[in-house]
Amino acid sequence: MPTIKPLDYTPKQISISLLGRAIAHPCRVKMIELLIKYPKLTNKDLAEILHLSKSAIHTHLIKLWDAGLINVSYSPHSLCVEITQEQILNYRKLEAIFNFEQRKTYHLSLLQ
């Protein structure tokens, strides 16, 4: 088996990579938009709204949390998920970079 050589990634490179991975799935983008509208939700709320299993929601939340786009706290029977104003501003900056409103073409595979 080939060995994996460690690379020297800067904190900036890692941060950009985590942000890209966090918004790479439409479900995670929708989760952020729901949290902007309703700043405090639980994983159960998100599972019900998005019609996904709690384990799928958990996987998506971890990616968003790793990127610093949401805060997650544990309660006895659920995860409490919230988004701060600073995190909302960071997400809005990402939206501006991709300029979603002006995009006219989409890949057909995403629309199916």
PDB file of N, CA and C in Angstrom:
ATOM      1  N   MET A   1       0.835  -1.185   0.000  1.00  0.00           N
ATOM      2  CA  MET A   1       0.000   0.000   0.000  1.00  0.00           C
ATOM      3  C   MET A   1       0.878   1.246   0.000  1.00  0.00           C
ATOM      4  N   PRO A   2       0.466   2.255  -0.731  1.00  0.00           N
ATOM      5  CA  PRO A   2       1.248   3.493  -0.727  1.00  0.00           C
ATOM      6  C   PRO A   2       1.099   4.204   0.612  1.00  0.00           C
ATOM      7  N   THR A   3       2.149   4.880   0.985  1.00  0.00           N
ATOM      8  CA  THR A   3       2.079   5.646   2.228  1.00  0.00           C
ATOM      9  C   THR A   3       1.535   7.033   1.936  1.00  0.00           C
ATOM     10  N   ILE A   4       0.889   7.583   2.922  1.00  0.00           N
ATOM     11  CA  ILE A   4       0.349   8.936   2.786  1.00  0.00           C
ATOM     12  C   ILE A   4       1.359   9.902   3.376  1.00  0.00           C
ATOM     13  N   LYS A   5       1.795  10.835   2.572  1.00  0.00           N
ATOM     14  CA  LYS A   5       2.768  11.810   3.032  1.00  0.00           C
ATOM     15  C   LYS A   5       2.048  12.978   3.687  1.00  0.00           C
ATOM     16  N   PRO A   6       2.477  13.339   4.876  1.00  0.00           N
ATOM     17  CA  PRO A   6       1.833  14.491   5.519  1.00  0.00           C
ATOM     18  C   PRO A   6       2.176  15.777   4.776  1.00  0.00           C
ATOM     19  N   LEU A   7       1.188  16.618   4.616  1.00  0.00           N
ATOM     20  CA  LEU A   7       1.392  17.896   3.955  1.00  0.00           C
ATOM     21  C   LEU A   7       1.245  19.006   4.979  1.00  0.00           C
ATOM     22  N   ASP A   8       1.938  20.069   4.747  1.00  0.00           N
ATOM     23  CA  ASP A   8       1.838  21.211   5.642  1.00  0.00           C
ATOM     24  C   ASP A   8       0.754  22.139   5.135  1.00  0.00           C
ATOM     25  N   TYR A   9      -0.444  21.978   5.681  1.00  0.00           N
ATOM     26  CA  TYR A   9      -1.550  22.853   5.317  1.00  0.00           C
ATOM     27  C   TYR A   9      -1.606  24.004   6.302  1.00  0.00           C
ATOM     28  N   THR A  10      -1.885  25.169   5.794  1.00  0.00           N
ATOM     29  CA  THR A  10      -2.029  26.325   6.673  1.00  0.00           C
ATOM     30  C   THR A  10      -3.421  26.298   7.295  1.00  0.00           C
ATOM     31  N   PRO A  11      -3.596  26.974   8.422  1.00  0.00           N
ATOM     32  CA  PRO A  11      -4.935  27.060   9.013  1.00  0.00           C
ATOM     33  C   PRO A  11      -5.962  27.637   8.034  1.00  0.00           C
ATOM     34  N   LYS A  12      -5.532  28.579   7.209  1.00  0.00           N
ATOM     35  CA  LYS A  12      -6.437  29.172   6.220  1.00  0.00           C
ATOM     36  C   LYS A  12      -6.898  28.123   5.213  1.00  0.00           C
ATOM     37  N   GLN A  13      -5.977  27.299   4.721  1.00  0.00           N
ATOM     38  CA  GLN A  13      -6.323  26.255   3.762  1.00  0.00           C
ATOM     39  C   GLN A  13      -7.285  25.238   4.371  1.00  0.00           C
ATOM     40  N   ILE A  14      -7.050  24.879   5.608  1.00  0.00           N
ATOM     41  CA  ILE A  14      -7.932  23.933   6.293  1.00  0.00           C
ATOM     42  C   ILE A  14      -9.307  24.541   6.492  1.00  0.00           C
ATOM     43  N   SER A  15      -9.353  25.801   6.897  1.00  0.00           N
ATOM     44  CA  SER A  15     -10.627  26.482   7.129  1.00  0.00           C
ATOM     45  C   SER A  15     -11.454  26.573   5.851  1.00  0.00           C
ATOM     46  N   ILE A  16     -10.826  26.950   4.754  1.00  0.00           N
ATOM     47  CA  ILE A  16     -11.528  27.049   3.471  1.00  0.00           C
ATOM     48  C   ILE A  16     -12.039  25.673   3.045  1.00  0.00           C
ATOM     49  N   SER A  17     -11.236  24.656   3.243  1.00  0.00           N
ATOM     50  CA  SER A  17     -11.641  23.299   2.892  1.00  0.00           C
ATOM     51  C   SER A  17     -12.856  22.852   3.702  1.00  0.00           C
ATOM     52  N   LEU A  18     -12.852  23.138   5.002  1.00  0.00           N
ATOM     53  CA  LEU A  18     -13.984  22.767   5.855  1.00  0.00           C
ATOM     54  C   LEU A  18     -15.251  23.517   5.465  1.00  0.00           C
ATOM     55  N   LEU A  19     -15.112  24.797   5.122  1.00  0.00           N
ATOM     56  CA  LEU A  19     -16.277  25.571   4.682  1.00  0.00           C
ATOM     57  C   LEU A  19     -16.836  25.015   3.375  1.00  0.00           C
ATOM     58  N   GLY A  20     -15.947  24.696   2.454  1.00  0.00           N
ATOM     59  CA  GLY A  20     -16.394  24.135   1.181  1.00  0.00           C
ATOM     60  C   GLY A  20     -17.118  22.816   1.367  1.00  0.00           C
ATOM     61  N   ARG A  21     -16.571  21.969   2.227  1.00  0.00           N
ATOM     62  CA  ARG A  21     -17.220  20.685   2.485  1.00  0.00           C
ATOM     63  C   ARG A  21     -18.573  20.888   3.166  1.00  0.00           C
ATOM     64  N   ALA A  22     -18.651  21.868   4.052  1.00  0.00           N
ATOM     65  CA  ALA A  22     -19.890  22.108   4.796  1.00  0.00           C
ATOM     66  C   ALA A  22     -21.036  22.532   3.892  1.00  0.00           C
ATOM     67  N   ILE A  23     -20.756  23.322   2.883  1.00  0.00           N
ATOM     68  CA  ILE A  23     -21.845  23.800   2.018  1.00  0.00           C
ATOM     69  C   ILE A  23     -21.947  23.000   0.721  1.00  0.00           C
ATOM     70  N   ALA A  24     -21.243  21.874   0.662  1.00  0.00           N
ATOM     71  CA  ALA A  24     -21.228  21.072  -0.562  1.00  0.00           C
ATOM     72  C   ALA A  24     -22.486  20.231  -0.753  1.00  0.00           C
ATOM     73  N   HIS A  25     -23.359  20.192   0.221  1.00  0.00           N
ATOM     74  CA  HIS A  25     -24.581  19.390   0.109  1.00  0.00           C
ATOM     75  C   HIS A  25     -25.799  20.292   0.280  1.00  0.00           C
ATOM     76  N   PRO A  26     -26.771  20.194  -0.607  1.00  0.00           N
ATOM     77  CA  PRO A  26     -27.955  21.069  -0.516  1.00  0.00           C
ATOM     78  C   PRO A  26     -28.698  20.953   0.812  1.00  0.00           C
ATOM     79  N   CYS A  27     -28.659  19.776   1.414  1.00  0.00           N
ATOM     80  CA  CYS A  27     -29.337  19.594   2.701  1.00  0.00           C
ATOM     81  C   CYS A  27     -28.701  20.469   3.778  1.00  0.00           C
ATOM     82  N   ARG A  28     -27.379  20.566   3.771  1.00  0.00           N
ATOM     83  CA  ARG A  28     -26.698  21.390   4.774  1.00  0.00           C
ATOM     84  C   ARG A  28     -26.975  22.869   4.536  1.00  0.00           C
ATOM     85  N   VAL A  29     -27.056  23.267   3.282  1.00  0.00           N
ATOM     86  CA  VAL A  29     -27.402  24.662   2.971  1.00  0.00           C
ATOM     87  C   VAL A  29     -28.809  24.955   3.484  1.00  0.00           C
ATOM     88  N   LYS A  30     -29.721  24.014   3.270  1.00  0.00           N
ATOM     89  CA  LYS A  30     -31.091  24.199   3.752  1.00  0.00           C
ATOM     90  C   LYS A  30     -31.127  24.254   5.279  1.00  0.00           C
ATOM     91  N   MET A  31     -30.310  23.445   5.941  1.00  0.00           N
ATOM     92  CA  MET A  31     -30.250  23.475   7.409  1.00  0.00           C
ATOM     93  C   MET A  31     -29.831  24.856   7.903  1.00  0.00           C
ATOM     94  N   ILE A  32     -28.823  25.425   7.263  1.00  0.00           N
ATOM     95  CA  ILE A  32     -28.366  26.757   7.662  1.00  0.00           C
ATOM     96  C   ILE A  32     -29.479  27.770   7.458  1.00  0.00           C
ATOM     97  N   GLU A  33     -30.157  27.691   6.332  1.00  0.00           N
ATOM     98  CA  GLU A  33     -31.248  28.635   6.072  1.00  0.00           C
ATOM     99  C   GLU A  33     -32.380  28.478   7.084  1.00  0.00           C
ATOM    100  N   LEU A  34     -32.677  27.245   7.489  1.00  0.00           N
ATOM    101  CA  LEU A  34     -33.681  27.022   8.531  1.00  0.00           C
ATOM    102  C   LEU A  34     -33.234  27.619   9.858  1.00  0.00           C
ATOM    103  N   LEU A  35     -31.950  27.459  10.170  1.00  0.00           N
ATOM    104  CA  LEU A  35     -31.433  28.004  11.431  1.00  0.00           C
ATOM    105  C   LEU A  35     -31.399  29.528  11.414  1.00  0.00           C
ATOM    106  N   ILE A  36     -31.222  30.118  10.251  1.00  0.00           N
ATOM    107  CA  ILE A  36     -31.281  31.579  10.161  1.00  0.00           C
ATOM    108  C   ILE A  36     -32.706  32.040  10.448  1.00  0.00           C
ATOM    109  N   LYS A  37     -33.673  31.295   9.948  1.00  0.00           N
ATOM    110  CA  LYS A  37     -35.080  31.646  10.162  1.00  0.00           C
ATOM    111  C   LYS A  37     -35.532  31.316  11.586  1.00  0.00           C
ATOM    112  N   TYR A  38     -35.105  30.167  12.096  1.00  0.00           N
ATOM    113  CA  TYR A  38     -35.436  29.716  13.454  1.00  0.00           C
ATOM    114  C   TYR A  38     -34.125  29.421  14.175  1.00  0.00           C
ATOM    115  N   PRO A  39     -33.547  30.410  14.870  1.00  0.00           N
ATOM    116  CA  PRO A  39     -32.184  30.280  15.390  1.00  0.00           C
ATOM    117  C   PRO A  39     -31.912  29.112  16.344  1.00  0.00           C
ATOM    118  N   LYS A  40     -32.920  28.552  16.968  1.00  0.00           N
ATOM    119  CA  LYS A  40     -32.679  27.418  17.864  1.00  0.00           C
ATOM    120  C   LYS A  40     -33.596  26.265  17.480  1.00  0.00           C
ATOM    121  N   LEU A  41     -32.992  25.187  17.013  1.00  0.00           N
ATOM    122  CA  LEU A  41     -33.722  23.977  16.665  1.00  0.00           C
ATOM    123  C   LEU A  41     -32.993  22.783  17.270  1.00  0.00           C
ATOM    124  N   THR A  42     -33.662  21.653  17.327  1.00  0.00           N
ATOM    125  CA  THR A  42     -33.011  20.419  17.762  1.00  0.00           C
ATOM    126  C   THR A  42     -32.813  19.516  16.555  1.00  0.00           C
ATOM    127  N   ASN A  43     -32.000  18.485  16.753  1.00  0.00           N
ATOM    128  CA  ASN A  43     -31.811  17.524  15.663  1.00  0.00           C
ATOM    129  C   ASN A  43     -33.133  16.843  15.312  1.00  0.00           C
ATOM    130  N   LYS A  44     -34.008  16.666  16.300  1.00  0.00           N
ATOM    131  CA  LYS A  44     -35.325  16.067  16.038  1.00  0.00           C
ATOM    132  C   LYS A  44     -36.172  16.990  15.166  1.00  0.00           C
ATOM    133  N   ASP A  45     -36.119  18.294  15.449  1.00  0.00           N
ATOM    134  CA  ASP A  45     -36.851  19.267  14.624  1.00  0.00           C
ATOM    135  C   ASP A  45     -36.378  19.204  13.174  1.00  0.00           C
ATOM    136  N   LEU A  46     -35.067  19.212  12.997  1.00  0.00           N
ATOM    137  CA  LEU A  46     -34.503  19.183  11.644  1.00  0.00           C
ATOM    138  C   LEU A  46     -34.861  17.885  10.919  1.00  0.00           C
ATOM    139  N   ALA A  47     -34.824  16.762  11.643  1.00  0.00           N
ATOM    140  CA  ALA A  47     -35.178  15.476  11.036  1.00  0.00           C
ATOM    141  C   ALA A  47     -36.627  15.486  10.562  1.00  0.00           C
ATOM    142  N   GLU A  48     -37.498  16.075  11.369  1.00  0.00           N
ATOM    143  CA  GLU A  48     -38.915  16.132  11.003  1.00  0.00           C
ATOM    144  C   GLU A  48     -39.150  17.067   9.814  1.00  0.00           C
ATOM    145  N   ILE A  49     -38.525  18.233   9.845  1.00  0.00           N
ATOM    146  CA  ILE A  49     -38.713  19.215   8.772  1.00  0.00           C
ATOM    147  C   ILE A  49     -38.152  18.707   7.446  1.00  0.00           C
ATOM    148  N   LEU A  50     -36.968  18.104   7.497  1.00  0.00           N
ATOM    149  CA  LEU A  50     -36.276  17.688   6.272  1.00  0.00           C
ATOM    150  C   LEU A  50     -36.588  16.250   5.850  1.00  0.00           C
ATOM    151  N   HIS A  51     -37.357  15.544   6.668  1.00  0.00           N
ATOM    152  CA  HIS A  51     -37.728  14.154   6.377  1.00  0.00           C
ATOM    153  C   HIS A  51     -36.494  13.267   6.216  1.00  0.00           C
ATOM    154  N   LEU A  52     -35.568  13.415   7.156  1.00  0.00           N
ATOM    155  CA  LEU A  52     -34.362  12.595   7.176  1.00  0.00           C
ATOM    156  C   LEU A  52     -34.252  11.901   8.527  1.00  0.00           C
ATOM    157  N   SER A  53     -33.460  10.850   8.588  1.00  0.00           N
ATOM    158  CA  SER A  53     -33.241  10.165   9.857  1.00  0.00           C
ATOM    159  C   SER A  53     -32.371  11.032  10.765  1.00  0.00           C
ATOM    160  N   LYS A  54     -32.458  10.766  12.070  1.00  0.00           N
ATOM    161  CA  LYS A  54     -31.635  11.530  13.007  1.00  0.00           C
ATOM    162  C   LYS A  54     -30.147  11.274  12.773  1.00  0.00           C
ATOM    163  N   SER A  55     -29.803  10.066  12.330  1.00  0.00           N
ATOM    164  CA  SER A  55     -28.387   9.789  12.067  1.00  0.00           C
ATOM    165  C   SER A  55     -27.885  10.580  10.861  1.00  0.00           C
ATOM    166  N   ALA A  56     -28.722  10.739   9.834  1.00  0.00           N
ATOM    167  CA  ALA A  56     -28.331  11.556   8.675  1.00  0.00           C
ATOM    168  C   ALA A  56     -28.187  13.015   9.090  1.00  0.00           C
ATOM    169  N   ILE A  57     -29.116  13.497   9.905  1.00  0.00           N
ATOM    170  CA  ILE A  57     -29.041  14.869  10.409  1.00  0.00           C
ATOM    171  C   ILE A  57     -27.757  15.055  11.205  1.00  0.00           C
ATOM    172  N   HIS A  58     -27.442  14.083  12.046  1.00  0.00           N
ATOM    173  CA  HIS A  58     -26.228  14.165  12.869  1.00  0.00           C
ATOM    174  C   HIS A  58     -24.982  14.286  11.999  1.00  0.00           C
ATOM    175  N   THR A  59     -24.907  13.492  10.945  1.00  0.00           N
ATOM    176  CA  THR A  59     -23.762  13.543  10.026  1.00  0.00           C
ATOM    177  C   THR A  59     -23.627  14.927   9.396  1.00  0.00           C
ATOM    178  N   HIS A  60     -24.740  15.484   8.955  1.00  0.00           N
ATOM    179  CA  HIS A  60     -24.716  16.817   8.349  1.00  0.00           C
ATOM    180  C   HIS A  60     -24.335  17.886   9.384  1.00  0.00           C
ATOM    181  N   LEU A  61     -24.868  17.766  10.594  1.00  0.00           N
ATOM    182  CA  LEU A  61     -24.560  18.749  11.637  1.00  0.00           C
ATOM    183  C   LEU A  61     -23.077  18.763  11.984  1.00  0.00           C
ATOM    184  N   ILE A  62     -22.458  17.600  12.018  1.00  0.00           N
ATOM    185  CA  ILE A  62     -21.028  17.520  12.340  1.00  0.00           C
ATOM    186  C   ILE A  62     -20.208  18.302  11.317  1.00  0.00           C
ATOM    187  N   LYS A  63     -20.540  18.176  10.046  1.00  0.00           N
ATOM    188  CA  LYS A  63     -19.796  18.909   9.006  1.00  0.00           C
ATOM    189  C   LYS A  63     -19.989  20.422   9.156  1.00  0.00           C
ATOM    190  N   LEU A  64     -21.213  20.844   9.466  1.00  0.00           N
ATOM    191  CA  LEU A  64     -21.471  22.275   9.673  1.00  0.00           C
ATOM    192  C   LEU A  64     -20.753  22.780  10.917  1.00  0.00           C
ATOM    193  N   TRP A  65     -20.752  21.978  11.968  1.00  0.00           N
ATOM    194  CA  TRP A  65     -20.101  22.360  13.219  1.00  0.00           C
ATOM    195  C   TRP A  65     -18.582  22.428  13.035  1.00  0.00           C
ATOM    196  N   ASP A  66     -18.009  21.445  12.336  1.00  0.00           N
ATOM    197  CA  ASP A  66     -16.561  21.448  12.070  1.00  0.00           C
ATOM    198  C   ASP A  66     -16.130  22.713  11.336  1.00  0.00           C
ATOM    199  N   ALA A  67     -16.993  23.213  10.462  1.00  0.00           N
ATOM    200  CA  ALA A  67     -16.682  24.421   9.690  1.00  0.00           C
ATOM    201  C   ALA A  67     -16.948  25.696  10.482  1.00  0.00           C
ATOM    202  N   GLY A  68     -17.530  25.564  11.673  1.00  0.00           N
ATOM    203  CA  GLY A  68     -17.803  26.742  12.497  1.00  0.00           C
ATOM    204  C   GLY A  68     -19.042  27.511  12.078  1.00  0.00           C
ATOM    205  N   LEU A  69     -19.919  26.873  11.291  1.00  0.00           N
ATOM    206  CA  LEU A  69     -21.113  27.572  10.818  1.00  0.00           C
ATOM    207  C   LEU A  69     -22.288  27.470  11.785  1.00  0.00           C
ATOM    208  N   ILE A  70     -22.226  26.529  12.733  1.00  0.00           N
ATOM    209  CA  ILE A  70     -23.290  26.379  13.730  1.00  0.00           C
ATOM    210  C   ILE A  70     -22.679  26.030  15.079  1.00  0.00           C
ATOM    211  N   ASN A  71     -23.492  26.141  16.120  1.00  0.00           N
ATOM    212  CA  ASN A  71     -23.119  25.680  17.453  1.00  0.00           C
ATOM    213  C   ASN A  71     -24.028  24.519  17.816  1.00  0.00           C
ATOM    214  N   VAL A  72     -23.448  23.503  18.440  1.00  0.00           N
ATOM    215  CA  VAL A  72     -24.220  22.337  18.857  1.00  0.00           C
ATOM    216  C   VAL A  72     -23.960  22.098  20.332  1.00  0.00           C
ATOM    217  N   SER A  73     -25.038  21.911  21.089  1.00  0.00           N
ATOM    218  CA  SER A  73     -24.900  21.544  22.495  1.00  0.00           C
ATOM    219  C   SER A  73     -25.754  20.311  22.749  1.00  0.00           C
ATOM    220  N   TYR A  74     -25.330  19.528  23.720  1.00  0.00           N
ATOM    221  CA  TYR A  74     -26.015  18.275  24.001  1.00  0.00           C
ATOM    222  C   TYR A  74     -27.010  18.460  25.130  1.00  0.00           C
ATOM    223  N   SER A  75     -28.193  17.907  24.954  1.00  0.00           N
ATOM    224  CA  SER A  75     -29.164  17.808  26.029  1.00  0.00           C
ATOM    225  C   SER A  75     -29.454  16.314  26.191  1.00  0.00           C
ATOM    226  N   PRO A  76     -30.165  15.909  27.233  1.00  0.00           N
ATOM    227  CA  PRO A  76     -30.305  14.467  27.487  1.00  0.00           C
ATOM    228  C   PRO A  76     -30.812  13.624  26.311  1.00  0.00           C
ATOM    229  N   HIS A  77     -31.748  14.124  25.524  1.00  0.00           N
ATOM    230  CA  HIS A  77     -32.327  13.287  24.477  1.00  0.00           C
ATOM    231  C   HIS A  77     -32.231  13.881  23.078  1.00  0.00           C
ATOM    232  N   SER A  78     -31.489  14.947  22.919  1.00  0.00           N
ATOM    233  CA  SER A  78     -31.368  15.549  21.588  1.00  0.00           C
ATOM    234  C   SER A  78     -30.169  16.485  21.536  1.00  0.00           C
ATOM    235  N   LEU A  79     -29.881  16.949  20.344  1.00  0.00           N
ATOM    236  CA  LEU A  79     -28.845  17.957  20.138  1.00  0.00           C
ATOM    237  C   LEU A  79     -29.535  19.295  19.918  1.00  0.00           C
ATOM    238  N   CYS A  80     -29.096  20.307  20.626  1.00  0.00           N
ATOM    239  CA  CYS A  80     -29.624  21.655  20.416  1.00  0.00           C
ATOM    240  C   CYS A  80     -28.699  22.357  19.430  1.00  0.00           C
ATOM    241  N   VAL A  81     -29.273  22.876  18.380  1.00  0.00           N
ATOM    242  CA  VAL A  81     -28.495  23.496  17.313  1.00  0.00           C
ATOM    243  C   VAL A  81     -28.883  24.960  17.233  1.00  0.00           C
ATOM    244  N   GLU A  82     -27.874  25.828  17.186  1.00  0.00           N
ATOM    245  CA  GLU A  82     -28.166  27.254  17.046  1.00  0.00           C
ATOM    246  C   GLU A  82     -27.121  27.916  16.169  1.00  0.00           C
ATOM    247  N   ILE A  83     -27.470  29.093  15.702  1.00  0.00           N
ATOM    248  CA  ILE A  83     -26.576  29.862  14.846  1.00  0.00           C
ATOM    249  C   ILE A  83     -26.509  31.279  15.403  1.00  0.00           C
ATOM    250  N   THR A  84     -25.297  31.822  15.470  1.00  0.00           N
ATOM    251  CA  THR A  84     -25.114  33.174  16.002  1.00  0.00           C
ATOM    252  C   THR A  84     -25.131  34.188  14.861  1.00  0.00           C
ATOM    253  N   GLN A  85     -25.222  35.457  15.229  1.00  0.00           N
ATOM    254  CA  GLN A  85     -25.196  36.516  14.209  1.00  0.00           C
ATOM    255  C   GLN A  85     -23.888  36.491  13.425  1.00  0.00           C
ATOM    256  N   GLU A  86     -22.790  36.240  14.105  1.00  0.00           N
ATOM    257  CA  GLU A  86     -21.491  36.178  13.424  1.00  0.00           C
ATOM    258  C   GLU A  86     -21.466  35.030  12.410  1.00  0.00           C
ATOM    259  N   GLN A  87     -22.025  33.885  12.786  1.00  0.00           N
ATOM    260  CA  GLN A  87     -22.077  32.747  11.871  1.00  0.00           C
ATOM    261  C   GLN A  87     -22.997  33.035  10.685  1.00  0.00           C
ATOM    262  N   ILE A  88     -24.082  33.760  10.943  1.00  0.00           N
ATOM    263  CA  ILE A  88     -24.978  34.155   9.848  1.00  0.00           C
ATOM    264  C   ILE A  88     -24.239  35.065   8.873  1.00  0.00           C
ATOM    265  N   LEU A  89     -23.473  36.019   9.400  1.00  0.00           N
ATOM    266  CA  LEU A  89     -22.700  36.917   8.536  1.00  0.00           C
ATOM    267  C   LEU A  89     -21.681  36.140   7.704  1.00  0.00           C
ATOM    268  N   ASN A  90     -21.027  35.160   8.318  1.00  0.00           N
ATOM    269  CA  ASN A  90     -20.065  34.335   7.578  1.00  0.00           C
ATOM    270  C   ASN A  90     -20.752  33.567   6.454  1.00  0.00           C
ATOM    271  N   TYR A  91     -21.937  33.046   6.723  1.00  0.00           N
ATOM    272  CA  TYR A  91     -22.686  32.332   5.688  1.00  0.00           C
ATOM    273  C   TYR A  91     -23.096  33.284   4.567  1.00  0.00           C
ATOM    274  N   ARG A  92     -23.523  34.485   4.929  1.00  0.00           N
ATOM    275  CA  ARG A  92     -23.921  35.481   3.916  1.00  0.00           C
ATOM    276  C   ARG A  92     -22.735  35.833   3.011  1.00  0.00           C
ATOM    277  N   LYS A  93     -21.532  35.875   3.581  1.00  0.00           N
ATOM    278  CA  LYS A  93     -20.334  36.129   2.774  1.00  0.00           C
ATOM    279  C   LYS A  93     -20.121  35.001   1.767  1.00  0.00           C
ATOM    280  N   LEU A  94     -20.341  33.763   2.206  1.00  0.00           N
ATOM    281  CA  LEU A  94     -20.226  32.631   1.284  1.00  0.00           C
ATOM    282  C   LEU A  94     -21.262  32.731   0.173  1.00  0.00           C
ATOM    283  N   GLU A  95     -22.480  33.109   0.532  1.00  0.00           N
ATOM    284  CA  GLU A  95     -23.526  33.295  -0.478  1.00  0.00           C
ATOM    285  C   GLU A  95     -23.103  34.332  -1.511  1.00  0.00           C
ATOM    286  N   ALA A  96     -22.514  35.415  -1.031  1.00  0.00           N
ATOM    287  CA  ALA A  96     -22.091  36.488  -1.938  1.00  0.00           C
ATOM    288  C   ALA A  96     -20.996  36.008  -2.893  1.00  0.00           C
ATOM    289  N   ILE A  97     -20.104  35.176  -2.399  1.00  0.00           N
ATOM    290  CA  ILE A  97     -19.030  34.654  -3.248  1.00  0.00           C
ATOM    291  C   ILE A  97     -19.610  33.844  -4.400  1.00  0.00           C
ATOM    292  N   PHE A  98     -20.588  33.007  -4.097  1.00  0.00           N
ATOM    293  CA  PHE A  98     -21.171  32.144  -5.122  1.00  0.00           C
ATOM    294  C   PHE A  98     -22.255  32.837  -5.927  1.00  0.00           C
ATOM    295  N   ASN A  99     -22.751  33.963  -5.445  1.00  0.00           N
ATOM    296  CA  ASN A  99     -23.724  34.779  -6.167  1.00  0.00           C
ATOM    297  C   ASN A  99     -24.886  33.932  -6.692  1.00  0.00           C
ATOM    298  N   PHE A 100     -25.553  33.235  -5.767  1.00  0.00           N
ATOM    299  CA  PHE A 100     -26.602  32.288  -6.128  1.00  0.00           C
ATOM    300  C   PHE A 100     -27.747  32.920  -6.905  1.00  0.00           C
ATOM    301  N   GLU A 101     -28.118  34.130  -6.587  1.00  0.00           N
ATOM    302  CA  GLU A 101     -29.293  34.748  -7.199  1.00  0.00           C
ATOM    303  C   GLU A 101     -29.113  34.996  -8.697  1.00  0.00           C
ATOM    304  N   GLN A 102     -27.889  35.240  -9.136  1.00  0.00           N
ATOM    305  CA  GLN A 102     -27.666  35.579 -10.536  1.00  0.00           C
ATOM    306  C   GLN A 102     -27.305  34.378 -11.407  1.00  0.00           C
ATOM    307  N   ARG A 103     -27.127  33.225 -10.800  1.00  0.00           N
ATOM    308  CA  ARG A 103     -26.751  32.049 -11.590  1.00  0.00           C
ATOM    309  C   ARG A 103     -27.945  31.609 -12.429  1.00  0.00           C
ATOM    310  N   LYS A 104     -27.728  31.442 -13.705  1.00  0.00           N
ATOM    311  CA  LYS A 104     -28.810  31.100 -14.629  1.00  0.00           C
ATOM    312  C   LYS A 104     -28.782  29.632 -15.056  1.00  0.00           C
ATOM    313  N   THR A 105     -27.640  28.982 -14.960  1.00  0.00           N
ATOM    314  CA  THR A 105     -27.556  27.595 -15.402  1.00  0.00           C
ATOM    315  C   THR A 105     -27.214  26.696 -14.224  1.00  0.00           C
ATOM    316  N   TYR A 106     -27.755  25.509 -14.244  1.00  0.00           N
ATOM    317  CA  TYR A 106     -27.503  24.511 -13.214  1.00  0.00           C
ATOM    318  C   TYR A 106     -27.194  23.189 -13.905  1.00  0.00           C
ATOM    319  N   HIS A 107     -26.499  22.345 -13.208  1.00  0.00           N
ATOM    320  CA  HIS A 107     -26.264  21.014 -13.749  1.00  0.00           C
ATOM    321  C   HIS A 107     -27.565  20.232 -13.666  1.00  0.00           C
ATOM    322  N   LEU A 108     -27.932  19.576 -14.728  1.00  0.00           N
ATOM    323  CA  LEU A 108     -29.192  18.835 -14.762  1.00  0.00           C
ATOM    324  C   LEU A 108     -29.250  17.760 -13.691  1.00  0.00           C
ATOM    325  N   SER A 109     -28.117  17.170 -13.344  1.00  0.00           N
ATOM    326  CA  SER A 109     -28.124  16.105 -12.343  1.00  0.00           C
ATOM    327  C   SER A 109     -28.575  16.626 -10.981  1.00  0.00           C
ATOM    328  N   LEU A 110     -28.384  17.898 -10.706  1.00  0.00           N
ATOM    329  CA  LEU A 110     -28.808  18.460  -9.429  1.00  0.00           C
ATOM    330  C   LEU A 110     -30.309  18.700  -9.381  1.00  0.00           C
ATOM    331  N   LEU A 111     -30.943  18.817 -10.521  1.00  0.00           N
ATOM    332  CA  LEU A 111     -32.366  19.129 -10.562  1.00  0.00           C
ATOM    333  C   LEU A 111     -33.239  17.880 -10.589  1.00  0.00           C
ATOM    334  N   GLN A 112     -32.648  16.728 -10.725  1.00  0.00           N
ATOM    335  CA  GLN A 112     -33.441  15.492 -10.809  1.00  0.00           C
ATOM    336  C   GLN A 112     -33.757  14.949  -9.444  1.00  0.00           C
TER     337      GLN A 112
END
